[in-house]
Protein backbone atom coordinates (compact mmCIF):
# COMPACT_ATOMS: atom_id res chain seq x y z
CA MET A 1 0.00 0.00 0.00
CA ILE A 2 1.36 3.42 -0.86
CA THR A 3 1.01 6.46 1.33
CA LYS A 4 -0.98 9.57 0.54
CA GLU A 5 2.27 11.46 -0.02
CA GLN A 6 3.51 8.82 -2.46
CA LEU A 7 0.21 9.04 -4.37
CA LEU A 8 0.46 12.82 -4.50
CA GLU A 9 4.10 12.71 -5.58
CA SER A 10 3.20 10.34 -8.39
CA MET A 11 0.46 12.74 -9.52
CA ARG A 12 2.91 15.66 -9.29
CA HIS A 13 5.33 13.72 -11.49
CA GLU A 14 2.59 13.11 -14.06
CA THR A 15 1.76 16.83 -13.97
CA ARG A 16 5.39 17.75 -14.65
CA VAL A 17 5.60 15.26 -17.54
CA ILE A 18 2.39 16.60 -19.09
CA GLN A 19 3.67 20.16 -18.72
CA HIS A 20 6.91 19.12 -20.44
CA LEU A 21 4.99 17.47 -23.27
CA ALA A 22 2.96 20.66 -23.72
CA THR A 23 6.18 22.46 -24.65
CA LYS A 24 6.43 20.11 -27.65
CA VAL A 25 2.99 20.88 -29.11
CA PRO A 26 3.40 22.60 -32.49
CA GLU A 27 1.52 25.91 -32.54
CA ASP A 28 -0.25 24.96 -35.74
CA SER A 29 -1.58 21.66 -34.33
CA LEU A 30 -4.12 22.88 -31.78
CA ASP A 31 -6.99 21.96 -34.10
CA TYR A 32 -5.59 18.49 -34.84
CA ARG A 33 -7.94 15.62 -34.02
CA PRO A 34 -7.35 11.99 -35.02
CA THR A 35 -10.96 11.52 -36.18
CA PRO A 36 -13.97 13.87 -36.20
CA PRO A 37 -15.60 12.64 -32.97
CA GLN A 38 -12.35 12.76 -30.96
CA ARG A 39 -11.09 15.77 -29.01
CA SER A 40 -8.82 18.22 -30.76
CA MET A 41 -5.39 18.92 -29.29
CA ARG A 42 -6.80 22.16 -27.81
CA GLU A 43 -9.80 20.33 -26.32
CA LEU A 44 -7.56 17.60 -24.92
CA MET A 45 -5.29 20.17 -23.28
CA ARG A 46 -8.28 21.92 -21.73
CA TYR A 47 -9.75 18.64 -20.50
CA MET A 48 -6.46 17.55 -18.94
CA THR A 49 -6.42 20.58 -16.63
CA ARG A 50 -9.28 19.08 -14.56
CA MET A 51 -9.29 15.42 -15.67
CA ALA A 52 -8.10 14.08 -12.32
CA ALA A 53 -9.32 16.81 -9.97
CA VAL A 54 -12.99 16.21 -10.78
CA PRO A 55 -12.99 12.48 -9.92
CA VAL A 56 -10.64 12.93 -6.94
CA VAL A 57 -13.03 15.46 -5.39
CA PHE A 58 -15.90 13.05 -6.14
CA SER A 59 -14.00 10.21 -4.45
CA VAL A 60 -13.57 12.27 -1.30
CA THR A 61 -17.01 13.93 -1.19
CA GLY A 62 -19.22 11.32 -2.87
CA SER A 63 -20.79 14.07 -4.98
CA TRP A 64 -20.39 15.29 -8.56
CA ALA A 65 -21.86 18.73 -7.70
CA HIS A 66 -18.50 20.41 -8.40
CA ALA A 67 -17.90 18.78 -11.78
CA GLU A 68 -19.82 21.06 -14.12
CA GLU A 69 -18.35 24.25 -12.67
CA MET A 70 -14.81 22.83 -12.67
CA GLU A 71 -15.10 21.63 -16.25
CA ALA A 72 -16.64 24.91 -17.44
CA GLY A 73 -13.59 26.73 -16.11
CA THR A 74 -11.38 24.95 -18.63
CA GLU A 75 -12.84 26.74 -21.65
CA SER A 76 -10.45 29.66 -21.25
CA VAL A 77 -7.30 27.50 -21.04
CA THR A 78 -4.72 28.40 -23.68
CA PRO A 79 -1.30 26.93 -24.41
CA GLY A 80 0.10 29.89 -22.46
CA SER A 81 -2.00 29.18 -19.36
CA PHE A 82 -1.84 25.39 -19.58
CA ALA A 83 1.07 24.82 -17.17
CA ALA A 84 -0.48 27.07 -14.51
CA GLU A 85 -3.82 25.30 -14.89
CA MET A 86 -2.12 21.93 -14.47
CA ASP A 87 -0.54 23.29 -11.28
CA ARG A 88 -3.98 24.49 -10.16
CA GLN A 89 -5.33 20.99 -10.68
CA MET A 90 -2.68 19.63 -8.32
CA GLU A 91 -3.61 22.29 -5.76
CA ILE A 92 -7.26 21.18 -5.95
CA ILE A 93 -6.23 17.55 -5.48
CA GLU A 94 -3.93 18.37 -2.57
CA GLU A 95 -6.70 20.40 -0.91
CA ALA A 96 -9.16 17.55 -1.40
CA LEU A 97 -6.75 15.06 0.18
CA ALA A 98 -5.43 17.32 2.95
CA ASP A 99 -7.48 15.67 5.70
CA LEU A 100 -7.47 12.16 4.23
CA ASP A 101 -7.09 9.43 6.84
CA GLU A 102 -4.82 6.95 5.08
CA ALA A 103 -5.85 3.97 7.18
CA GLY A 104 -9.53 4.75 6.86
CA ALA A 105 -9.26 5.26 3.09
CA THR A 106 -8.48 1.57 2.59
CA THR A 107 -11.92 0.61 3.92
CA ALA A 108 -14.04 3.74 3.34
CA PRO A 109 -16.63 3.01 0.65
CA SER A 110 -16.62 4.84 -2.66
CA SER A 111 -17.71 4.04 -6.19
CA MET A 112 -16.57 4.39 -9.73
CA PRO A 113 -18.48 6.87 -11.95
CA TRP A 114 -20.52 3.99 -13.43
CA GLY A 115 -21.53 2.76 -9.98
CA THR A 116 -19.11 -0.10 -9.33
CA PRO A 117 -18.32 -0.14 -5.61
CA THR A 118 -14.73 0.39 -4.51
CA THR A 119 -12.83 1.82 -1.57
CA LEU A 120 -11.71 5.42 -1.33
CA ALA A 121 -8.04 4.42 -1.64
CA ALA A 122 -8.68 2.30 -4.74
CA GLY A 123 -10.88 5.01 -6.23
CA LEU A 124 -8.14 7.60 -5.80
CA MET A 125 -5.72 5.33 -7.66
CA ASP A 126 -8.20 4.36 -10.38
CA MET A 127 -9.83 7.75 -10.95
CA GLY A 128 -6.93 10.00 -9.98
CA LEU A 129 -3.52 8.57 -10.77
CA LYS A 130 -4.56 6.28 -13.63
CA THR A 131 -6.35 9.20 -15.28
CA PHE A 132 -3.09 11.17 -15.35
CA VAL A 133 -1.23 8.22 -16.87
CA ALA A 134 -3.86 7.48 -19.52
CA TYR A 135 -4.24 11.05 -20.74
CA ARG A 136 -0.50 11.69 -20.60
CA MET A 137 -0.05 8.83 -23.04
CA GLN A 138 -2.88 10.08 -25.27
CA PHE A 139 -1.32 13.56 -25.27
CA PHE A 140 2.07 12.10 -26.22
CA LEU A 141 0.51 10.16 -29.10
CA TYR A 142 -1.34 13.24 -30.36
CA ILE A 143 1.94 15.16 -30.41
CA LYS A 144 3.71 12.32 -32.23
CA ALA A 145 0.83 12.14 -34.74
CA CYS A 146 1.37 15.84 -35.48
CA GLY A 147 4.81 14.94 -36.79
CA VAL A 148 7.01 15.78 -33.81
CA ALA A 149 9.77 13.23 -34.31
CA GLU A 150 12.08 14.71 -31.68
CA ILE A 151 10.20 13.21 -28.73
CA GLY A 152 10.46 9.70 -27.40
CA PRO A 153 10.06 7.56 -24.30
CA ALA A 154 12.13 9.85 -22.05
CA ASN A 155 9.79 12.74 -22.86
CA CYS A 156 6.73 10.59 -22.27
CA TRP A 157 7.76 8.83 -19.08
CA ALA A 158 10.22 11.19 -17.40
CA GLY A 159 9.42 14.57 -18.92
CA VAL A 160 12.97 15.13 -20.12
CA ASP A 161 14.75 15.59 -23.43
CA LEU A 162 17.50 13.14 -24.22
CA PRO A 163 20.74 14.76 -25.39
CA GLY A 164 20.51 15.45 -29.09
CA ARG A 165 16.70 15.32 -29.11
CA GLU A 166 15.97 18.80 -27.76
CA GLU A 167 13.99 21.19 -29.91
């Protein structure tokens, strides 16, 4: 079992990697979308700024009452404000988990968005951390699909440029 601080540090790492990847997005690719029903690069970036905060707050409170307002606030996110909004997401998550009782979280009931019962601790992993990982990978693949050949696994997993691969 990991601690709350380890969970938060893992989410912070994912935030840093996503912020790094955002520096690789070509300016002319914000309207890119793999297929018509999928999000554009711009929409994906906006979504990612609250993708984990919304379900983490739900996990802690048991309510989705905050979701619409949080998601509406992403409409004004731009490439220039993206990093700050990712930091804000981590602040929201840290505030939501500030009073979390680690021992109690392993038995406290929660549920997945589709109603499957879980514990609070498992819900935080499944709806918080795994969300970061999944959308980080999607973001990386969008950037690669836009023709950015200079990024690779180190960018995606560690948020760093390998020597000779910097832009």
